[in-house]
């Protein structure tokens, strides 16, 4: 089992991934789509990822044209939150 990465580094990687894909985490929290425990688990999942350097390269490019990267351990969760966000905007 590999050691977990630095919590601050991965907190900001997850934040940047959300922002790059125009996911408003504050809005998601206000809607009740994500709570503090869920966010904490997402950061922990990110800390255990072996793709950290690739993630940083992806984020440096600053383009979400490819969508959420397949190597992201939070890909499904981010995708679900994006759907929730879109659905909330359409109400």
PDB file of N, CA and C in Angstrom:
ATOM      1  N   UNK A   1       0.846  -1.182   0.000  1.00  0.00           N
ATOM      2  CA  UNK A   1       0.000   0.000   0.000  1.00  0.00           C
ATOM      3  C   UNK A   1       0.888   1.240   0.000  1.00  0.00           C
ATOM      4  N   UNK A   2       0.584   2.193  -0.862  1.00  0.00           N
ATOM      5  CA  UNK A   2       1.403   3.395  -0.966  1.00  0.00           C
ATOM      6  C   UNK A   2       0.978   4.418   0.092  1.00  0.00           C
ATOM      7  N   UNK A   3       1.925   5.231   0.552  1.00  0.00           N
ATOM      8  CA  UNK A   3       1.575   6.260   1.541  1.00  0.00           C
ATOM      9  C   UNK A   3       0.699   7.338   0.910  1.00  0.00           C
ATOM     10  N   UNK A   4      -0.125   7.949   1.718  1.00  0.00           N
ATOM     11  CA  UNK A   4      -0.987   9.018   1.235  1.00  0.00           C
ATOM     12  C   UNK A   4      -0.171  10.274   0.970  1.00  0.00           C
ATOM     13  N   UNK A   5      -0.582  11.040  -0.032  1.00  0.00           N
ATOM     14  CA  UNK A   5       0.080  12.294  -0.352  1.00  0.00           C
ATOM     15  C   UNK A   5      -0.285  13.388   0.633  1.00  0.00           C
ATOM     16  N   UNK A   6       0.403  14.507   0.494  1.00  0.00           N
ATOM     17  CA  UNK A   6       0.191  15.669   1.357  1.00  0.00           C
ATOM     18  C   UNK A   6      -1.253  16.160   1.253  1.00  0.00           C
ATOM     19  N   UNK A   7      -1.902  16.334   2.384  1.00  0.00           N
ATOM     20  CA  UNK A   7      -3.316  16.698   2.407  1.00  0.00           C
ATOM     21  C   UNK A   7      -3.557  18.052   1.734  1.00  0.00           C
ATOM     22  N   UNK A   8      -2.698  19.044   1.977  1.00  0.00           N
ATOM     23  CA  UNK A   8      -2.910  20.365   1.359  1.00  0.00           C
ATOM     24  C   UNK A   8      -2.763  20.302  -0.159  1.00  0.00           C
ATOM     25  N   UNK A   9      -1.760  19.592  -0.603  1.00  0.00           N
ATOM     26  CA  UNK A   9      -1.537  19.465  -2.047  1.00  0.00           C
ATOM     27  C   UNK A   9      -2.761  18.867  -2.732  1.00  0.00           C
ATOM     28  N   UNK A  10      -3.298  17.813  -2.149  1.00  0.00           N
ATOM     29  CA  UNK A  10      -4.431  17.117  -2.758  1.00  0.00           C
ATOM     30  C   UNK A  10      -5.743  17.867  -2.568  1.00  0.00           C
ATOM     31  N   UNK A  11      -5.865  18.599  -1.484  1.00  0.00           N
ATOM     32  CA  UNK A  11      -7.031  19.469  -1.309  1.00  0.00           C
ATOM     33  C   UNK A  11      -7.099  20.445  -2.479  1.00  0.00           C
ATOM     34  N   UNK A  12      -5.960  21.078  -2.793  1.00  0.00           N
ATOM     35  CA  UNK A  12      -5.933  22.070  -3.864  1.00  0.00           C
ATOM     36  C   UNK A  12      -6.036  21.430  -5.239  1.00  0.00           C
ATOM     37  N   UNK A  13      -5.499  20.231  -5.419  1.00  0.00           N
ATOM     38  CA  UNK A  13      -5.686  19.537  -6.700  1.00  0.00           C
ATOM     39  C   UNK A  13      -7.174  19.287  -6.946  1.00  0.00           C
ATOM     40  N   UNK A  14      -7.872  18.810  -5.929  1.00  0.00           N
ATOM     41  CA  UNK A  14      -9.307  18.537  -6.067  1.00  0.00           C
ATOM     42  C   UNK A  14     -10.074  19.838  -6.313  1.00  0.00           C
ATOM     43  N   UNK A  15      -9.715  20.893  -5.604  1.00  0.00           N
ATOM     44  CA  UNK A  15     -10.350  22.191  -5.817  1.00  0.00           C
ATOM     45  C   UNK A  15     -10.143  22.676  -7.249  1.00  0.00           C
ATOM     46  N   UNK A  16      -8.900  22.570  -7.728  1.00  0.00           N
ATOM     47  CA  UNK A  16      -8.578  23.027  -9.081  1.00  0.00           C
ATOM     48  C   UNK A  16      -9.296  22.194 -10.145  1.00  0.00           C
ATOM     49  N   UNK A  17      -9.419  20.884  -9.905  1.00  0.00           N
ATOM     50  CA  UNK A  17     -10.124  20.022 -10.850  1.00  0.00           C
ATOM     51  C   UNK A  17     -11.593  20.454 -10.941  1.00  0.00           C
ATOM     52  N   UNK A  18     -12.195  20.723  -9.796  1.00  0.00           N
ATOM     53  CA  UNK A  18     -13.588  21.181  -9.787  1.00  0.00           C
ATOM     54  C   UNK A  18     -13.716  22.508 -10.535  1.00  0.00           C
ATOM     55  N   UNK A  19     -12.840  23.453 -10.234  1.00  0.00           N
ATOM     56  CA  UNK A  19     -12.910  24.770 -10.853  1.00  0.00           C
ATOM     57  C   UNK A  19     -12.693  24.694 -12.366  1.00  0.00           C
ATOM     58  N   UNK A  20     -11.727  23.889 -12.789  1.00  0.00           N
ATOM     59  CA  UNK A  20     -11.452  23.741 -14.220  1.00  0.00           C
ATOM     60  C   UNK A  20     -12.690  23.273 -14.977  1.00  0.00           C
ATOM     61  N   UNK A  21     -13.480  22.437 -14.346  1.00  0.00           N
ATOM     62  CA  UNK A  21     -14.681  21.897 -14.991  1.00  0.00           C
ATOM     63  C   UNK A  21     -15.939  22.692 -14.632  1.00  0.00           C
ATOM     64  N   UNK A  22     -15.696  23.898 -14.085  1.00  0.00           N
ATOM     65  CA  UNK A  22     -16.774  24.835 -13.750  1.00  0.00           C
ATOM     66  C   UNK A  22     -17.774  24.251 -12.758  1.00  0.00           C
ATOM     67  N   UNK A  23     -17.281  23.433 -11.869  1.00  0.00           N
ATOM     68  CA  UNK A  23     -18.100  22.878 -10.795  1.00  0.00           C
ATOM     69  C   UNK A  23     -18.019  23.824  -9.607  1.00  0.00           C
ATOM     70  N   UNK A  24     -19.144  24.349  -9.192  1.00  0.00           N
ATOM     71  CA  UNK A  24     -19.221  25.262  -8.059  1.00  0.00           C
ATOM     72  C   UNK A  24     -19.467  24.447  -6.792  1.00  0.00           C
ATOM     73  N   UNK A  25     -18.389  24.189  -6.056  1.00  0.00           N
ATOM     74  CA  UNK A  25     -18.492  23.367  -4.850  1.00  0.00           C
ATOM     75  C   UNK A  25     -19.314  24.043  -3.758  1.00  0.00           C
ATOM     76  N   UNK A  26     -19.257  25.375  -3.671  1.00  0.00           N
ATOM     77  CA  UNK A  26     -20.067  26.095  -2.677  1.00  0.00           C
ATOM     78  C   UNK A  26     -21.546  25.919  -2.977  1.00  0.00           C
ATOM     79  N   UNK A  27     -21.879  26.026  -4.241  1.00  0.00           N
ATOM     80  CA  UNK A  27     -23.267  25.836  -4.659  1.00  0.00           C
ATOM     81  C   UNK A  27     -23.709  24.388  -4.411  1.00  0.00           C
ATOM     82  N   UNK A  28     -22.828  23.444  -4.697  1.00  0.00           N
ATOM     83  CA  UNK A  28     -23.143  22.028  -4.460  1.00  0.00           C
ATOM     84  C   UNK A  28     -23.416  21.781  -2.986  1.00  0.00           C
ATOM     85  N   UNK A  29     -22.643  22.434  -2.131  1.00  0.00           N
ATOM     86  CA  UNK A  29     -22.859  22.283  -0.697  1.00  0.00           C
ATOM     87  C   UNK A  29     -24.186  22.923  -0.289  1.00  0.00           C
ATOM     88  N   UNK A  30     -24.476  24.101  -0.823  1.00  0.00           N
ATOM     89  CA  UNK A  30     -25.736  24.780  -0.504  1.00  0.00           C
ATOM     90  C   UNK A  30     -26.947  23.964  -0.941  1.00  0.00           C
ATOM     91  N   UNK A  31     -26.821  23.261  -2.082  1.00  0.00           N
ATOM     92  CA  UNK A  31     -27.920  22.410  -2.570  1.00  0.00           C
ATOM     93  C   UNK A  31     -28.041  21.117  -1.777  1.00  0.00           C
ATOM     94  N   UNK A  32     -26.996  20.794  -1.013  1.00  0.00           N
ATOM     95  CA  UNK A  32     -27.007  19.538  -0.266  1.00  0.00           C
ATOM     96  C   UNK A  32     -26.461  18.370  -1.060  1.00  0.00           C
ATOM     97  N   UNK A  33     -25.816  18.656  -2.202  1.00  0.00           N
ATOM     98  CA  UNK A  33     -25.255  17.594  -3.044  1.00  0.00           C
ATOM     99  C   UNK A  33     -23.947  17.051  -2.483  1.00  0.00           C
ATOM    100  N   UNK A  34     -23.279  17.842  -1.665  1.00  0.00           N
ATOM    101  CA  UNK A  34     -22.017  17.427  -1.056  1.00  0.00           C
ATOM    102  C   UNK A  34     -21.958  18.009   0.349  1.00  0.00           C
ATOM    103  N   UNK A  35     -21.482  17.216   1.274  1.00  0.00           N
ATOM    104  CA  UNK A  35     -21.296  17.714   2.635  1.00  0.00           C
ATOM    105  C   UNK A  35     -19.813  17.620   2.994  1.00  0.00           C
ATOM    106  N   UNK A  36     -19.475  18.081   4.170  1.00  0.00           N
ATOM    107  CA  UNK A  36     -18.079  18.120   4.588  1.00  0.00           C
ATOM    108  C   UNK A  36     -17.456  16.722   4.617  1.00  0.00           C
ATOM    109  N   UNK A  37     -18.207  15.738   5.062  1.00  0.00           N
ATOM    110  CA  UNK A  37     -17.689  14.366   5.126  1.00  0.00           C
ATOM    111  C   UNK A  37     -17.382  13.827   3.719  1.00  0.00           C
ATOM    112  N   UNK A  38     -18.277  14.083   2.790  1.00  0.00           N
ATOM    113  CA  UNK A  38     -18.066  13.630   1.410  1.00  0.00           C
ATOM    114  C   UNK A  38     -16.845  14.311   0.810  1.00  0.00           C
ATOM    115  N   UNK A  39     -16.720  15.630   1.018  1.00  0.00           N
ATOM    116  CA  UNK A  39     -15.566  16.362   0.502  1.00  0.00           C
ATOM    117  C   UNK A  39     -14.279  15.814   1.118  1.00  0.00           C
ATOM    118  N   UNK A  40     -14.297  15.544   2.398  1.00  0.00           N
ATOM    119  CA  UNK A  40     -13.127  14.981   3.075  1.00  0.00           C
ATOM    120  C   UNK A  40     -12.736  13.632   2.469  1.00  0.00           C
ATOM    121  N   UNK A  41     -13.715  12.811   2.170  1.00  0.00           N
ATOM    122  CA  UNK A  41     -13.448  11.506   1.548  1.00  0.00           C
ATOM    123  C   UNK A  41     -12.884  11.671   0.139  1.00  0.00           C
ATOM    124  N   UNK A  42     -13.341  12.688  -0.576  1.00  0.00           N
ATOM    125  CA  UNK A  42     -12.817  12.941  -1.915  1.00  0.00           C
ATOM    126  C   UNK A  42     -11.346  13.350  -1.848  1.00  0.00           C
ATOM    127  N   UNK A  43     -11.017  14.199  -0.883  1.00  0.00           N
ATOM    128  CA  UNK A  43      -9.617  14.616  -0.721  1.00  0.00           C
ATOM    129  C   UNK A  43      -8.772  13.408  -0.322  1.00  0.00           C
ATOM    130  N   UNK A  44      -9.276  12.558   0.556  1.00  0.00           N
ATOM    131  CA  UNK A  44      -8.543  11.349   0.956  1.00  0.00           C
ATOM    132  C   UNK A  44      -8.328  10.422  -0.247  1.00  0.00           C
ATOM    133  N   UNK A  45      -9.351  10.287  -1.071  1.00  0.00           N
ATOM    134  CA  UNK A  45      -9.224   9.451  -2.270  1.00  0.00           C
ATOM    135  C   UNK A  45      -8.146  10.035  -3.186  1.00  0.00           C
ATOM    136  N   UNK A  46      -8.135  11.336  -3.324  1.00  0.00           N
ATOM    137  CA  UNK A  46      -7.123  12.013  -4.132  1.00  0.00           C
ATOM    138  C   UNK A  46      -5.729  11.780  -3.540  1.00  0.00           C
ATOM    139  N   UNK A  47      -5.606  11.823  -2.238  1.00  0.00           N
ATOM    140  CA  UNK A  47      -4.311  11.618  -1.578  1.00  0.00           C
ATOM    141  C   UNK A  47      -3.729  10.246  -1.876  1.00  0.00           C
ATOM    142  N   UNK A  48      -4.567   9.266  -2.142  1.00  0.00           N
ATOM    143  CA  UNK A  48      -4.111   7.911  -2.423  1.00  0.00           C
ATOM    144  C   UNK A  48      -3.841   7.652  -3.897  1.00  0.00           C
ATOM    145  N   UNK A  49      -3.982   8.672  -4.722  1.00  0.00           N
ATOM    146  CA  UNK A  49      -3.843   8.513  -6.165  1.00  0.00           C
ATOM    147  C   UNK A  49      -2.373   8.480  -6.582  1.00  0.00           C
ATOM    148  N   UNK A  50      -2.064   7.602  -7.520  1.00  0.00           N
ATOM    149  CA  UNK A  50      -0.696   7.488  -8.048  1.00  0.00           C
ATOM    150  C   UNK A  50      -0.478   8.405  -9.253  1.00  0.00           C
ATOM    151  N   UNK A  51      -1.492   9.163  -9.675  1.00  0.00           N
ATOM    152  CA  UNK A  51      -1.433   9.975 -10.880  1.00  0.00           C
ATOM    153  C   UNK A  51      -1.217  11.465 -10.567  1.00  0.00           C
ATOM    154  N   UNK A  52      -0.672  11.790  -9.412  1.00  0.00           N
ATOM    155  CA  UNK A  52      -0.557  13.173  -8.963  1.00  0.00           C
ATOM    156  C   UNK A  52       0.172  14.065  -9.964  1.00  0.00           C
ATOM    157  N   UNK A  53       1.320  13.625 -10.450  1.00  0.00           N
ATOM    158  CA  UNK A  53       2.073  14.454 -11.396  1.00  0.00           C
ATOM    159  C   UNK A  53       1.305  14.645 -12.704  1.00  0.00           C
ATOM    160  N   UNK A  54       0.654  13.585 -13.174  1.00  0.00           N
ATOM    161  CA  UNK A  54      -0.170  13.690 -14.375  1.00  0.00           C
ATOM    162  C   UNK A  54      -1.333  14.647 -14.158  1.00  0.00           C
ATOM    163  N   UNK A  55      -1.915  14.602 -12.997  1.00  0.00           N
ATOM    164  CA  UNK A  55      -3.018  15.495 -12.643  1.00  0.00           C
ATOM    165  C   UNK A  55      -2.535  16.939 -12.680  1.00  0.00           C
ATOM    166  N   UNK A  56      -1.382  17.188 -12.097  1.00  0.00           N
ATOM    167  CA  UNK A  56      -0.852  18.551 -12.086  1.00  0.00           C
ATOM    168  C   UNK A  56      -0.578  19.043 -13.508  1.00  0.00           C
ATOM    169  N   UNK A  57      -0.058  18.169 -14.359  1.00  0.00           N
ATOM    170  CA  UNK A  57       0.167  18.551 -15.765  1.00  0.00           C
ATOM    171  C   UNK A  57      -1.164  18.866 -16.446  1.00  0.00           C
ATOM    172  N   UNK A  58      -2.153  18.012 -16.230  1.00  0.00           N
ATOM    173  CA  UNK A  58      -3.492  18.216 -16.797  1.00  0.00           C
ATOM    174  C   UNK A  58      -4.051  19.572 -16.357  1.00  0.00           C
ATOM    175  N   UNK A  59      -3.936  19.875 -15.079  1.00  0.00           N
ATOM    176  CA  UNK A  59      -4.472  21.124 -14.547  1.00  0.00           C
ATOM    177  C   UNK A  59      -3.698  22.337 -15.050  1.00  0.00           C
ATOM    178  N   UNK A  60      -2.396  22.197 -15.223  1.00  0.00           N
ATOM    179  CA  UNK A  60      -1.587  23.310 -15.745  1.00  0.00           C
ATOM    180  C   UNK A  60      -2.008  23.697 -17.159  1.00  0.00           C
ATOM    181  N   UNK A  61      -2.424  22.723 -17.941  1.00  0.00           N
ATOM    182  CA  UNK A  61      -2.885  23.024 -19.306  1.00  0.00           C
ATOM    183  C   UNK A  61      -4.105  23.936 -19.266  1.00  0.00           C
ATOM    184  N   UNK A  62      -4.901  23.791 -18.214  1.00  0.00           N
ATOM    185  CA  UNK A  62      -6.049  24.665 -18.035  1.00  0.00           C
ATOM    186  C   UNK A  62      -7.179  24.466 -19.027  1.00  0.00           C
ATOM    187  N   UNK A  63      -7.251  23.294 -19.614  1.00  0.00           N
ATOM    188  CA  UNK A  63      -8.300  23.011 -20.593  1.00  0.00           C
ATOM    189  C   UNK A  63      -9.099  21.789 -20.148  1.00  0.00           C
ATOM    190  N   UNK A  64     -10.374  21.955 -20.066  1.00  0.00           N
ATOM    191  CA  UNK A  64     -11.238  20.844 -19.684  1.00  0.00           C
ATOM    192  C   UNK A  64     -11.865  20.196 -20.914  1.00  0.00           C
ATOM    193  N   UNK A  65     -11.302  20.477 -22.097  1.00  0.00           N
ATOM    194  CA  UNK A  65     -11.875  19.981 -23.341  1.00  0.00           C
ATOM    195  C   UNK A  65     -11.992  18.464 -23.375  1.00  0.00           C
ATOM    196  N   UNK A  66     -11.073  17.795 -22.714  1.00  0.00           N
ATOM    197  CA  UNK A  66     -11.077  16.330 -22.694  1.00  0.00           C
ATOM    198  C   UNK A  66     -12.087  15.785 -21.697  1.00  0.00           C
ATOM    199  N   UNK A  67     -12.703  16.634 -20.940  1.00  0.00           N
ATOM    200  CA  UNK A  67     -13.581  16.199 -19.869  1.00  0.00           C
ATOM    201  C   UNK A  67     -12.753  15.788 -18.661  1.00  0.00           C
ATOM    202  N   UNK A  68     -13.389  15.164 -17.731  1.00  0.00           N
ATOM    203  CA  UNK A  68     -12.677  14.701 -16.537  1.00  0.00           C
ATOM    204  C   UNK A  68     -11.719  13.584 -16.923  1.00  0.00           C
ATOM    205  N   UNK A  69     -10.478  13.678 -16.481  1.00  0.00           N
ATOM    206  CA  UNK A  69      -9.500  12.661 -16.872  1.00  0.00           C
ATOM    207  C   UNK A  69      -9.845  11.285 -16.305  1.00  0.00           C
ATOM    208  N   UNK A  70      -9.625  10.270 -17.104  1.00  0.00           N
ATOM    209  CA  UNK A  70      -9.916   8.899 -16.691  1.00  0.00           C
ATOM    210  C   UNK A  70      -9.095   8.431 -15.510  1.00  0.00           C
ATOM    211  N   UNK A  71      -7.950   9.057 -15.286  1.00  0.00           N
ATOM    212  CA  UNK A  71      -7.093   8.662 -14.168  1.00  0.00           C
ATOM    213  C   UNK A  71      -7.511   9.272 -12.836  1.00  0.00           C
ATOM    214  N   UNK A  72      -8.433  10.200 -12.852  1.00  0.00           N
ATOM    215  CA  UNK A  72      -8.858  10.877 -11.620  1.00  0.00           C
ATOM    216  C   UNK A  72      -9.683   9.915 -10.764  1.00  0.00           C
ATOM    217  N   UNK A  73      -9.265   9.744  -9.528  1.00  0.00           N
ATOM    218  CA  UNK A  73      -9.981   8.827  -8.637  1.00  0.00           C
ATOM    219  C   UNK A  73     -11.338   9.367  -8.216  1.00  0.00           C
ATOM    220  N   UNK A  74     -11.567  10.660  -8.427  1.00  0.00           N
ATOM    221  CA  UNK A  74     -12.847  11.284  -8.083  1.00  0.00           C
ATOM    222  C   UNK A  74     -13.692  11.585  -9.319  1.00  0.00           C
ATOM    223  N   UNK A  75     -13.309  11.027 -10.426  1.00  0.00           N
ATOM    224  CA  UNK A  75     -13.988  11.320 -11.696  1.00  0.00           C
ATOM    225  C   UNK A  75     -15.500  11.113 -11.606  1.00  0.00           C
ATOM    226  N   UNK A  76     -15.935   9.991 -11.119  1.00  0.00           N
ATOM    227  CA  UNK A  76     -17.369   9.696 -11.058  1.00  0.00           C
ATOM    228  C   UNK A  76     -18.095  10.664 -10.133  1.00  0.00           C
ATOM    229  N   UNK A  77     -17.468  10.988  -9.013  1.00  0.00           N
ATOM    230  CA  UNK A  77     -18.097  11.905  -8.050  1.00  0.00           C
ATOM    231  C   UNK A  77     -18.206  13.305  -8.648  1.00  0.00           C
ATOM    232  N   UNK A  78     -17.112  13.774  -9.273  1.00  0.00           N
ATOM    233  CA  UNK A  78     -17.159  15.081  -9.927  1.00  0.00           C
ATOM    234  C   UNK A  78     -18.225  15.086 -11.028  1.00  0.00           C
ATOM    235  N   UNK A  79     -18.287  14.044 -11.817  1.00  0.00           N
ATOM    236  CA  UNK A  79     -19.268  13.960 -12.907  1.00  0.00           C
ATOM    237  C   UNK A  79     -20.690  14.027 -12.346  1.00  0.00           C
ATOM    238  N   UNK A  80     -20.930  13.319 -11.267  1.00  0.00           N
ATOM    239  CA  UNK A  80     -22.251  13.353 -10.639  1.00  0.00           C
ATOM    240  C   UNK A  80     -22.605  14.733 -10.119  1.00  0.00           C
ATOM    241  N   UNK A  81     -21.633  15.400  -9.519  1.00  0.00           N
ATOM    242  CA  UNK A  81     -21.871  16.753  -9.016  1.00  0.00           C
ATOM    243  C   UNK A  81     -22.133  17.732 -10.157  1.00  0.00           C
ATOM    244  N   UNK A  82     -21.440  17.536 -11.274  1.00  0.00           N
ATOM    245  CA  UNK A  82     -21.688  18.389 -12.439  1.00  0.00           C
ATOM    246  C   UNK A  82     -23.100  18.193 -12.980  1.00  0.00           C
ATOM    247  N   UNK A  83     -23.551  16.958 -13.022  1.00  0.00           N
ATOM    248  CA  UNK A  83     -24.930  16.684 -13.460  1.00  0.00           C
ATOM    249  C   UNK A  83     -25.916  17.338 -12.501  1.00  0.00           C
ATOM    250  N   UNK A  84     -25.671  17.188 -11.196  1.00  0.00           N
ATOM    251  CA  UNK A  84     -26.547  17.812 -10.205  1.00  0.00           C
ATOM    252  C   UNK A  84     -26.588  19.334 -10.392  1.00  0.00           C
ATOM    253  N   UNK A  85     -25.424  19.916 -10.686  1.00  0.00           N
ATOM    254  CA  UNK A  85     -25.337  21.358 -10.886  1.00  0.00           C
ATOM    255  C   UNK A  85     -26.164  21.789 -12.098  1.00  0.00           C
ATOM    256  N   UNK A  86     -26.028  21.060 -13.188  1.00  0.00           N
ATOM    257  CA  UNK A  86     -26.769  21.377 -14.412  1.00  0.00           C
ATOM    258  C   UNK A  86     -28.273  21.228 -14.173  1.00  0.00           C
ATOM    259  N   UNK A  87     -28.647  20.154 -13.490  1.00  0.00           N
ATOM    260  CA  UNK A  87     -30.065  19.931 -13.205  1.00  0.00           C
ATOM    261  C   UNK A  87     -30.615  21.052 -12.305  1.00  0.00           C
ATOM    262  N   UNK A  88     -29.821  21.480 -11.337  1.00  0.00           N
ATOM    263  CA  UNK A  88     -30.241  22.560 -10.446  1.00  0.00           C
ATOM    264  C   UNK A  88     -30.422  23.870 -11.181  1.00  0.00           C
ATOM    265  N   UNK A  89     -29.592  24.114 -12.186  1.00  0.00           N
ATOM    266  CA  UNK A  89     -29.698  25.334 -12.981  1.00  0.00           C
ATOM    267  C   UNK A  89     -30.908  25.310 -13.882  1.00  0.00           C
ATOM    268  N   UNK A  90     -31.388  24.131 -14.223  1.00  0.00           N
ATOM    269  CA  UNK A  90     -32.527  24.002 -15.142  1.00  0.00           C
ATOM    270  C   UNK A  90     -33.874  23.986 -14.432  1.00  0.00           C
ATOM    271  N   UNK A  91     -33.864  24.120 -13.132  1.00  0.00           N
ATOM    272  CA  UNK A  91     -35.148  24.108 -12.407  1.00  0.00           C
ATOM    273  C   UNK A  91     -35.827  25.440 -12.437  1.00  0.00           C
TER     274      UNK A  91
END
